[in-house]
Amino acid sequence: MGYLKYTQYVYILFAVFFIYDGAVKLNEGIEGSTMSFIIAGLAVFMFFFRRKFARKFDDRNKKQ
């Protein structure tokens, strides 16, 4: 279960990728750049959500 601590960083990688993808689409005038930015925002939100949940889970395990 130790690997679950590091899976939250996958969301940051997704966010960086989709921000890059959105910027490229925006510069080339291709439609769908807003969707890439929305997905990037969702990935950042998921990173912080998973991080908070993991900390809460660790704190609960330390108390037992």
N, C-alpha and C. Protein backbone atom coordinates (compact mmCIF):
# COMPACT_ATOMS: atom_id res chain seq x y z
N MET A 1 0.82 -1.21 0.00
CA MET A 1 0.00 0.00 0.00
C MET A 1 0.85 1.26 0.00
N GLY A 2 2.15 1.12 0.06
CA GLY A 2 3.02 2.28 0.07
C GLY A 2 3.02 3.04 -1.25
N TYR A 3 2.69 2.34 -2.32
CA TYR A 3 2.69 2.99 -3.62
C TYR A 3 1.54 3.98 -3.77
N LEU A 4 0.51 3.87 -2.95
CA LEU A 4 -0.62 4.79 -3.05
C LEU A 4 -0.24 6.21 -2.67
N LYS A 5 0.83 6.36 -1.89
CA LYS A 5 1.29 7.70 -1.54
C LYS A 5 1.80 8.44 -2.76
N TYR A 6 2.31 7.69 -3.72
CA TYR A 6 2.92 8.32 -4.90
C TYR A 6 1.98 8.44 -6.08
N THR A 7 0.86 7.73 -6.04
CA THR A 7 -0.07 7.81 -7.17
C THR A 7 -0.74 9.16 -7.27
N GLN A 8 -0.78 9.92 -6.19
CA GLN A 8 -1.41 11.23 -6.25
C GLN A 8 -0.62 12.18 -7.17
N TYR A 9 0.65 11.92 -7.34
CA TYR A 9 1.47 12.77 -8.21
C TYR A 9 1.21 12.52 -9.69
N VAL A 10 0.54 11.44 -10.00
CA VAL A 10 0.14 11.18 -11.38
C VAL A 10 -0.84 12.27 -11.84
N TYR A 11 -1.68 12.74 -10.92
CA TYR A 11 -2.62 13.81 -11.25
C TYR A 11 -1.89 15.09 -11.65
N ILE A 12 -0.78 15.39 -11.00
CA ILE A 12 0.00 16.57 -11.38
C ILE A 12 0.58 16.38 -12.77
N LEU A 13 1.04 15.18 -13.08
CA LEU A 13 1.56 14.91 -14.42
C LEU A 13 0.47 15.09 -15.48
N PHE A 14 -0.74 14.61 -15.17
CA PHE A 14 -1.86 14.81 -16.09
C PHE A 14 -2.16 16.29 -16.27
N ALA A 15 -2.12 17.04 -15.17
CA ALA A 15 -2.40 18.47 -15.26
C ALA A 15 -1.38 19.19 -16.14
N VAL A 16 -0.10 18.86 -15.97
CA VAL A 16 0.94 19.49 -16.79
C VAL A 16 0.73 19.14 -18.26
N PHE A 17 0.42 17.87 -18.52
CA PHE A 17 0.20 17.45 -19.91
C PHE A 17 -0.98 18.19 -20.53
N PHE A 18 -2.09 18.28 -19.82
CA PHE A 18 -3.27 18.92 -20.39
C PHE A 18 -3.12 20.44 -20.49
N ILE A 19 -2.35 21.05 -19.62
CA ILE A 19 -2.07 22.47 -19.78
C ILE A 19 -1.23 22.69 -21.03
N TYR A 20 -0.24 21.84 -21.23
CA TYR A 20 0.56 21.92 -22.45
C TYR A 20 -0.30 21.69 -23.68
N ASP A 21 -1.15 20.67 -23.64
CA ASP A 21 -2.02 20.36 -24.76
C ASP A 21 -2.97 21.53 -25.06
N GLY A 22 -3.52 22.12 -24.02
CA GLY A 22 -4.42 23.25 -24.21
C GLY A 22 -3.71 24.46 -24.79
N ALA A 23 -2.49 24.70 -24.36
CA ALA A 23 -1.73 25.84 -24.88
C ALA A 23 -1.39 25.64 -26.35
N VAL A 24 -1.02 24.41 -26.71
CA VAL A 24 -0.72 24.12 -28.12
C VAL A 24 -1.97 24.28 -28.98
N LYS A 25 -3.09 23.76 -28.51
CA LYS A 25 -4.34 23.89 -29.27
C LYS A 25 -4.77 25.34 -29.38
N LEU A 26 -4.56 26.11 -28.33
CA LEU A 26 -4.93 27.52 -28.34
C LEU A 26 -4.09 28.31 -29.33
N ASN A 27 -2.79 28.02 -29.38
CA ASN A 27 -1.90 28.72 -30.32
C ASN A 27 -2.17 28.34 -31.77
N GLU A 28 -2.56 27.10 -32.01
CA GLU A 28 -2.82 26.66 -33.37
C GLU A 28 -4.24 26.94 -33.82
N GLY A 29 -5.08 27.39 -32.93
CA GLY A 29 -6.45 27.72 -33.27
C GLY A 29 -7.36 26.52 -33.38
N ILE A 30 -6.95 25.41 -32.80
CA ILE A 30 -7.75 24.18 -32.83
C ILE A 30 -8.80 24.26 -31.73
N GLU A 31 -10.01 23.82 -32.06
CA GLU A 31 -11.08 23.81 -31.07
C GLU A 31 -10.80 22.76 -30.00
N GLY A 32 -11.31 22.96 -28.81
CA GLY A 32 -11.15 21.99 -27.74
C GLY A 32 -10.09 22.36 -26.72
N SER A 33 -9.54 23.54 -26.85
CA SER A 33 -8.51 23.94 -25.88
C SER A 33 -9.12 24.16 -24.49
N THR A 34 -10.35 24.63 -24.45
CA THR A 34 -10.98 24.85 -23.14
C THR A 34 -11.20 23.54 -22.41
N MET A 35 -11.50 22.48 -23.15
CA MET A 35 -11.70 21.19 -22.51
C MET A 35 -10.39 20.69 -21.88
N SER A 36 -9.28 20.95 -22.54
CA SER A 36 -7.98 20.55 -21.99
C SER A 36 -7.70 21.31 -20.69
N PHE A 37 -8.03 22.59 -20.65
CA PHE A 37 -7.82 23.37 -19.44
C PHE A 37 -8.76 22.93 -18.31
N ILE A 38 -9.97 22.54 -18.66
CA ILE A 38 -10.91 22.05 -17.66
C ILE A 38 -10.41 20.74 -17.06
N ILE A 39 -9.91 19.84 -17.91
CA ILE A 39 -9.38 18.57 -17.41
C ILE A 39 -8.15 18.82 -16.55
N ALA A 40 -7.32 19.79 -16.92
CA ALA A 40 -6.14 20.13 -16.11
C ALA A 40 -6.57 20.65 -14.74
N GLY A 41 -7.59 21.49 -14.70
CA GLY A 41 -8.10 21.99 -13.43
C GLY A 41 -8.66 20.87 -12.56
N LEU A 42 -9.34 19.94 -13.19
CA LEU A 42 -9.87 18.80 -12.46
C LEU A 42 -8.75 17.93 -11.91
N ALA A 43 -7.68 17.77 -12.67
CA ALA A 43 -6.54 16.98 -12.22
C ALA A 43 -5.87 17.63 -11.02
N VAL A 44 -5.74 18.96 -11.03
CA VAL A 44 -5.16 19.66 -9.88
C VAL A 44 -6.05 19.50 -8.66
N PHE A 45 -7.36 19.62 -8.86
CA PHE A 45 -8.30 19.42 -7.76
C PHE A 45 -8.17 18.01 -7.19
N MET A 46 -8.08 17.01 -8.05
CA MET A 46 -7.95 15.63 -7.60
C MET A 46 -6.65 15.41 -6.84
N PHE A 47 -5.57 16.09 -7.26
CA PHE A 47 -4.30 15.97 -6.54
C PHE A 47 -4.47 16.42 -5.10
N PHE A 48 -5.06 17.60 -4.90
CA PHE A 48 -5.21 18.11 -3.54
C PHE A 48 -6.21 17.29 -2.74
N PHE A 49 -7.25 16.78 -3.39
CA PHE A 49 -8.23 15.95 -2.71
C PHE A 49 -7.59 14.65 -2.24
N ARG A 50 -6.84 13.99 -3.11
CA ARG A 50 -6.18 12.73 -2.74
C ARG A 50 -5.14 12.96 -1.66
N ARG A 51 -4.45 14.08 -1.75
CA ARG A 51 -3.42 14.40 -0.76
C ARG A 51 -4.05 14.58 0.62
N LYS A 52 -5.16 15.30 0.68
CA LYS A 52 -5.84 15.51 1.95
C LYS A 52 -6.39 14.19 2.49
N PHE A 53 -6.95 13.38 1.61
CA PHE A 53 -7.50 12.10 2.03
C PHE A 53 -6.39 11.17 2.54
N ALA A 54 -5.24 11.17 1.88
CA ALA A 54 -4.12 10.32 2.30
C ALA A 54 -3.60 10.76 3.66
N ARG A 55 -3.52 12.05 3.88
CA ARG A 55 -3.06 12.54 5.19
C ARG A 55 -4.04 12.18 6.29
N LYS A 56 -5.32 12.30 5.99
CA LYS A 56 -6.34 11.94 6.97
C LYS A 56 -6.26 10.45 7.29
N PHE A 57 -6.04 9.64 6.28
CA PHE A 57 -5.92 8.20 6.47
C PHE A 57 -4.68 7.86 7.29
N ASP A 58 -3.56 8.51 7.02
CA ASP A 58 -2.33 8.27 7.79
C ASP A 58 -2.49 8.69 9.24
N ASP A 59 -3.13 9.84 9.46
CA ASP A 59 -3.36 10.29 10.84
C ASP A 59 -4.22 9.32 11.61
N ARG A 60 -5.22 8.76 10.95
CA ARG A 60 -6.09 7.80 11.60
C ARG A 60 -5.33 6.53 11.95
N ASN A 61 -4.46 6.10 11.07
CA ASN A 61 -3.67 4.89 11.34
C ASN A 61 -2.66 5.11 12.45
N LYS A 62 -2.12 6.32 12.59
CA LYS A 62 -1.16 6.61 13.64
C LYS A 62 -1.81 6.61 15.02
N LYS A 63 -3.07 6.98 15.09
CA LYS A 63 -3.77 7.02 16.37
C LYS A 63 -4.11 5.63 16.89
N GLN A 64 -4.19 4.66 16.01
CA GLN A 64 -4.57 3.31 16.44
C GLN A 64 -3.44 2.56 17.03
